[in-house]
């Protein structure tokens, strides 16, 4: 299932300024130890148990109009988030919330009239969960982009949370990259390049509902492998890298390889790889 990402994809690729990337590095994301990864895996598991993993690929097969709702919501998230310096991890989380909402919302008819408001609500929720108060965009600023006031946005945010059964736990691939970089990037001269490119590769998945439905752990692992190595890895080499990780993580090689190959296909021109 291919999506016509077009202008939305280009917006995501271009909305981050160099200053914003430096700010993200200073504020730091994740940790490079196994205890941290285990905590993130525990969160992934709780999300799955709550029935909140994305099933959007199969839903879109039966309700194709959901794809346009998704694109409109994400376009709005990027349009608002970019100018106000919202972190990439927060943008990613907001899109995760959009996919989660469209996966669990009851479908009574073949329409959804407020995709822009949905994007605003999911960005607001992601900011509340991931951003410190002083870095959150004031809801009054949202009004410059669409005709919704603060009360309407907050009401929609509450509706989204209700649809999630009050579970707003969110895990993103970006939260795993610090650990994976410490394991996979052995060339110190490539570390900074790999850090930036790994996040770029992860952000490129926002346009692919299939990749967005994978576990964040798998996407983070595959993206870091891709950005950390100057050479394209085959299945055997990927298996060797995975074998050095804790065996109790039970990492599915086929899923990692499939994700790696898809990321390579969509990002090859933007990477220093051969």
Protein backbone atom coordinates (compact mmCIF):
# COMPACT_ATOMS: atom_id res chain seq x y z
CA UNK A 1 0.00 0.00 0.00
CA UNK A 2 1.69 3.19 -1.18
CA UNK A 3 0.82 6.69 -0.03
CA UNK A 4 1.04 9.83 -2.12
CA UNK A 5 3.04 11.74 0.46
CA UNK A 6 4.07 14.58 -1.84
CA UNK A 7 4.25 18.01 -0.22
CA UNK A 8 3.64 16.63 3.27
CA UNK A 9 6.73 14.43 3.05
CA UNK A 10 8.86 17.33 1.80
CA UNK A 11 7.58 19.50 4.64
CA UNK A 12 8.65 16.94 7.22
CA UNK A 13 12.07 16.60 5.62
CA UNK A 14 12.65 20.34 5.64
CA UNK A 15 10.97 21.73 8.75
CA UNK A 16 13.91 21.18 11.13
CA UNK A 17 16.50 23.95 11.30
CA UNK A 18 20.16 23.35 12.29
CA UNK A 19 19.50 25.30 15.48
CA UNK A 20 16.63 22.98 16.33
CA UNK A 21 18.79 19.89 15.81
CA UNK A 22 21.41 21.34 18.17
CA UNK A 23 18.70 22.12 20.73
CA UNK A 24 17.49 18.51 20.56
CA UNK A 25 21.03 17.26 21.19
CA UNK A 26 21.42 19.54 24.21
CA UNK A 27 18.08 18.46 25.70
CA UNK A 28 19.06 14.83 25.01
CA UNK A 29 16.79 11.88 24.33
CA UNK A 30 17.09 8.36 25.68
CA UNK A 31 19.98 6.55 27.34
CA UNK A 32 22.65 4.09 26.26
CA UNK A 33 22.04 1.36 28.81
CA UNK A 34 19.98 -1.84 28.78
CA UNK A 35 17.85 -0.89 31.80
CA UNK A 36 16.50 2.10 29.88
CA UNK A 37 15.73 -0.04 26.82
CA UNK A 38 13.96 -2.59 29.02
CA UNK A 39 11.75 0.19 30.42
CA UNK A 40 10.86 1.30 26.89
CA UNK A 41 10.09 -2.28 25.89
CA UNK A 42 7.84 -2.53 28.94
CA UNK A 43 5.94 0.52 27.72
CA UNK A 44 5.62 -1.00 24.25
CA UNK A 45 4.14 -4.10 25.83
CA UNK A 46 1.63 -2.12 27.89
CA UNK A 47 0.49 -0.27 24.78
CA UNK A 48 -0.02 -3.59 22.98
CA UNK A 49 -1.94 -5.10 25.93
CA UNK A 50 -4.21 -2.04 25.95
CA UNK A 51 -5.01 -2.68 22.27
CA UNK A 52 -3.51 0.64 21.19
CA UNK A 53 -0.99 -0.47 18.56
CA UNK A 54 -1.78 0.86 15.10
CA UNK A 55 -3.98 -1.32 12.90
CA UNK A 56 -4.38 1.46 10.36
CA UNK A 57 -2.97 -0.44 7.33
CA UNK A 58 -5.78 -3.01 7.49
CA UNK A 59 -8.39 -0.38 8.35
CA UNK A 60 -7.44 1.73 5.35
CA UNK A 61 -7.98 -1.29 3.10
CA UNK A 62 -11.66 -1.20 4.08
CA UNK A 63 -12.03 2.56 4.59
CA UNK A 64 -9.76 4.30 2.08
CA UNK A 65 -10.94 7.77 3.11
CA UNK A 66 -9.02 7.37 6.39
CA UNK A 67 -5.80 7.96 4.45
CA UNK A 68 -6.86 11.48 3.45
CA UNK A 69 -7.92 12.20 7.04
CA UNK A 70 -4.49 11.06 8.19
CA UNK A 71 -2.63 13.14 5.62
CA UNK A 72 -4.62 16.27 6.48
CA UNK A 73 -4.06 15.81 10.22
CA UNK A 74 -0.31 15.26 9.76
CA UNK A 75 0.05 18.20 7.39
CA UNK A 76 -1.49 20.36 10.10
CA UNK A 77 0.86 18.93 12.76
CA UNK A 78 3.90 19.77 10.63
CA UNK A 79 2.55 23.19 9.66
CA UNK A 80 2.12 24.18 13.31
CA UNK A 81 5.08 22.32 14.76
CA UNK A 82 7.75 23.56 12.36
CA UNK A 83 7.50 27.33 12.91
CA UNK A 84 7.41 26.92 16.69
CA UNK A 85 10.44 24.62 16.91
CA UNK A 86 8.57 21.58 18.18
CA UNK A 87 11.01 18.69 18.53
CA UNK A 88 11.02 15.89 15.99
CA UNK A 89 10.21 13.34 18.69
CA UNK A 90 7.08 15.33 19.57
CA UNK A 91 6.02 15.50 15.92
CA UNK A 92 6.52 11.74 15.66
CA UNK A 93 4.50 11.12 18.83
CA UNK A 94 1.69 13.34 17.55
CA UNK A 95 1.47 11.28 14.35
CA UNK A 96 1.50 8.11 16.46
CA UNK A 97 -1.52 9.48 18.32
CA UNK A 98 -3.28 10.24 15.02
CA UNK A 99 -2.74 6.66 13.86
CA UNK A 100 -3.85 5.32 17.23
CA UNK A 101 -7.03 7.40 17.17
CA UNK A 102 -7.92 6.40 13.60
CA UNK A 103 -7.28 2.76 14.56
CA UNK A 104 -9.67 2.70 17.53
CA UNK A 105 -12.37 5.29 16.75
CA UNK A 106 -15.81 3.86 15.97
CA UNK A 107 -16.72 4.25 12.30
CA UNK A 108 -20.41 5.08 11.94
CA UNK A 109 -20.26 6.45 8.41
CA UNK A 110 -17.64 6.97 5.73
CA UNK A 111 -16.52 10.43 6.79
CA UNK A 112 -14.60 12.38 9.41
CA UNK A 113 -15.15 16.13 9.23
CA UNK A 114 -12.47 17.49 11.58
CA UNK A 115 -9.03 16.13 10.56
CA UNK A 116 -7.38 19.52 11.16
CA UNK A 117 -8.74 19.62 14.70
CA UNK A 118 -7.57 16.03 15.22
CA UNK A 119 -4.03 17.07 14.22
CA UNK A 120 -4.12 19.99 16.65
CA UNK A 121 -5.38 17.80 19.49
CA UNK A 122 -2.74 15.11 18.90
CA UNK A 123 0.05 17.70 18.72
CA UNK A 124 -1.23 19.28 21.92
CA UNK A 125 -1.32 15.88 23.64
CA UNK A 126 2.18 14.95 22.44
CA UNK A 127 3.51 18.29 23.70
CA UNK A 128 1.92 17.74 27.11
CA UNK A 129 3.43 14.26 27.36
CA UNK A 130 6.93 14.96 25.99
CA UNK A 131 7.72 18.66 26.31
CA UNK A 132 8.52 20.64 29.41
CA UNK A 133 5.94 23.30 30.13
CA UNK A 134 8.19 26.15 29.01
CA UNK A 135 8.67 24.49 25.61
CA UNK A 136 5.00 23.81 24.90
CA UNK A 137 3.28 25.90 22.22
CA UNK A 138 0.50 28.00 23.69
CA UNK A 139 -2.87 26.91 22.35
CA UNK A 140 -3.64 30.50 21.41
CA UNK A 141 -0.95 30.16 18.73
CA UNK A 142 -2.82 27.24 17.17
CA UNK A 143 -5.69 29.60 16.35
CA UNK A 144 -3.50 31.32 13.74
CA UNK A 145 -3.60 28.15 11.62
CA UNK A 146 -7.28 27.21 11.80
CA UNK A 147 -10.57 28.53 13.11
CA UNK A 148 -10.60 26.59 16.39
CA UNK A 149 -10.35 28.23 19.81
CA UNK A 150 -8.50 26.90 22.84
CA UNK A 151 -11.62 25.37 24.40
CA UNK A 152 -12.43 23.42 21.23
CA UNK A 153 -8.86 22.11 20.96
CA UNK A 154 -8.85 21.05 24.62
CA UNK A 155 -12.24 19.34 24.23
CA UNK A 156 -10.91 17.39 21.25
CA UNK A 157 -7.75 16.50 23.19
CA UNK A 158 -9.94 15.12 25.98
CA UNK A 159 -11.95 13.15 23.40
CA UNK A 160 -8.76 11.63 21.98
CA UNK A 161 -7.61 10.62 25.48
CA UNK A 162 -11.03 9.07 26.14
CA UNK A 163 -10.77 7.02 22.95
CA UNK A 164 -7.43 5.73 24.24
CA UNK A 165 -9.04 4.56 27.47
CA UNK A 166 -7.05 7.27 29.28
CA UNK A 167 -3.77 5.55 28.26
CA UNK A 168 -1.49 8.18 26.72
CA UNK A 169 1.75 6.19 27.00
CA UNK A 170 3.76 6.66 23.82
CA UNK A 171 7.07 5.18 22.64
CA UNK A 172 8.97 6.41 19.58
CA UNK A 173 11.92 4.92 17.66
CA UNK A 174 13.93 8.05 18.48
CA UNK A 175 14.01 7.04 22.14
CA UNK A 176 16.02 3.91 21.26
CA UNK A 177 18.62 5.54 19.02
CA UNK A 178 21.10 6.61 21.70
CA UNK A 179 21.46 3.02 22.83
CA UNK A 180 21.68 1.59 19.31
CA UNK A 181 24.22 4.21 18.22
CA UNK A 182 26.45 3.20 21.13
CA UNK A 183 26.34 -0.40 19.86
CA UNK A 184 26.33 -0.06 16.06
CA UNK A 185 28.31 3.10 15.22
CA UNK A 186 31.94 2.06 15.71
CA UNK A 187 33.48 4.82 13.60
CA UNK A 188 33.84 7.88 15.85
CA UNK A 189 34.12 10.16 12.81
CA UNK A 190 30.66 9.04 11.73
CA UNK A 191 28.88 9.38 15.09
CA UNK A 192 27.39 12.84 14.60
CA UNK A 193 26.41 12.07 11.02
CA UNK A 194 24.77 8.82 12.14
CA UNK A 195 22.89 10.54 14.98
CA UNK A 196 21.35 13.15 12.70
CA UNK A 197 20.67 10.78 9.80
CA UNK A 198 19.10 8.15 12.03
CA UNK A 199 16.46 10.66 13.13
CA UNK A 200 15.95 11.80 9.52
CA UNK A 201 15.37 8.19 8.48
CA UNK A 202 12.93 7.67 11.35
CA UNK A 203 11.00 10.82 10.44
CA UNK A 204 10.71 9.58 6.86
CA UNK A 205 8.53 6.72 8.11
CA UNK A 206 5.68 9.12 8.97
CA UNK A 207 4.44 8.76 5.40
CA UNK A 208 4.25 4.98 5.52
CA UNK A 209 1.41 3.54 7.59
CA UNK A 210 2.97 0.08 7.43
CA UNK A 211 6.25 1.21 8.97
CA UNK A 212 4.38 3.31 11.52
CA UNK A 213 2.50 0.20 12.62
CA UNK A 214 5.73 -1.63 13.49
CA UNK A 215 7.12 -1.65 17.02
CA UNK A 216 9.20 1.51 17.62
CA UNK A 217 12.04 -0.73 18.85
CA UNK A 218 12.25 -2.41 15.43
CA UNK A 219 12.17 0.87 13.49
CA UNK A 220 14.79 2.46 15.76
CA UNK A 221 17.07 -0.56 15.41
CA UNK A 222 16.77 -0.74 11.61
CA UNK A 223 17.18 3.02 11.14
CA UNK A 224 20.30 3.13 13.31
CA UNK A 225 21.86 0.18 11.50
CA UNK A 226 21.21 1.92 8.19
CA UNK A 227 22.70 5.28 9.21
CA UNK A 228 25.64 3.88 11.19
CA UNK A 229 27.22 1.83 8.41
CA UNK A 230 28.76 3.18 5.18
CA UNK A 231 27.94 -0.14 3.47
CA UNK A 232 24.58 -1.78 2.83
CA UNK A 233 24.11 -4.73 5.18
CA UNK A 234 22.80 -8.11 4.08
CA UNK A 235 20.65 -10.40 6.21
CA UNK A 236 23.66 -12.26 7.62
CA UNK A 237 25.38 -9.05 8.69
CA UNK A 238 22.19 -7.76 10.30
CA UNK A 239 21.84 -11.09 12.14
CA UNK A 240 25.40 -10.72 13.45
CA UNK A 241 24.68 -7.22 14.78
CA UNK A 242 21.46 -8.41 16.45
CA UNK A 243 23.19 -11.40 18.04
CA UNK A 244 25.30 -9.02 20.16
CA UNK A 245 22.15 -7.62 21.82
CA UNK A 246 20.52 -9.24 24.88
CA UNK A 247 18.90 -12.54 23.79
CA UNK A 248 15.88 -12.02 26.06
CA UNK A 249 14.74 -9.21 23.76
CA UNK A 250 13.71 -11.89 21.22
CA UNK A 251 14.34 -9.63 18.22
CA UNK A 252 12.59 -10.92 15.06
CA UNK A 253 15.25 -10.92 12.33
CA UNK A 254 12.71 -11.00 9.49
CA UNK A 255 10.96 -7.86 10.75
CA UNK A 256 14.25 -5.99 11.19
CA UNK A 257 15.47 -6.96 7.71
CA UNK A 258 12.16 -6.03 6.09
CA UNK A 259 12.16 -2.67 7.85
CA UNK A 260 15.84 -2.05 7.01
CA UNK A 261 15.25 -2.77 3.31
CA UNK A 262 12.19 -0.51 3.19
CA UNK A 263 14.11 2.33 4.88
CA UNK A 264 17.01 1.81 2.48
CA UNK A 265 14.64 1.97 -0.48
CA UNK A 266 13.10 5.27 0.62
CA UNK A 267 16.25 6.99 1.96
CA UNK A 268 19.14 5.76 -0.17
CA UNK A 269 19.63 9.05 -2.02
CA UNK A 270 19.91 10.94 1.26
CA UNK A 271 22.52 8.66 2.85
CA UNK A 272 26.27 8.24 2.48
CA UNK A 273 26.02 4.52 1.79
CA UNK A 274 27.07 2.09 -0.93
